[in-house]
């Protein structure tokens, strides 16, 4: 959105519409007429509200987290022997220190 307040406002209006839709469906203290009016304003359908609700509130483990397929150590070992490059890293001098000017 890069600071575009219109886009941010539109997203929040959709989220509010979904929240009111589910509240009208489950609690029943909000009239469906008001919810349908908000759905028309935001361009949502009841099916879209259900899908967005499921993705944002009830995701599975695979949908919630991106788990890498392997550990870093295993990925390094696939590229070559890690002990070959062991001496090339670390703290120290590359050249011997010189005395004097």
Foldseek 3Di string as FASTA:
>chain_A
DVPPVVVVVLVVLLVVLLVVVVCCVPVVPDDVVVSVVSCVVSVHDPVRSVVVCCLVPPDDPVSPDPDDPDDPVVVVVVVHDPVVCVVVDDDDDPDDDDDDD
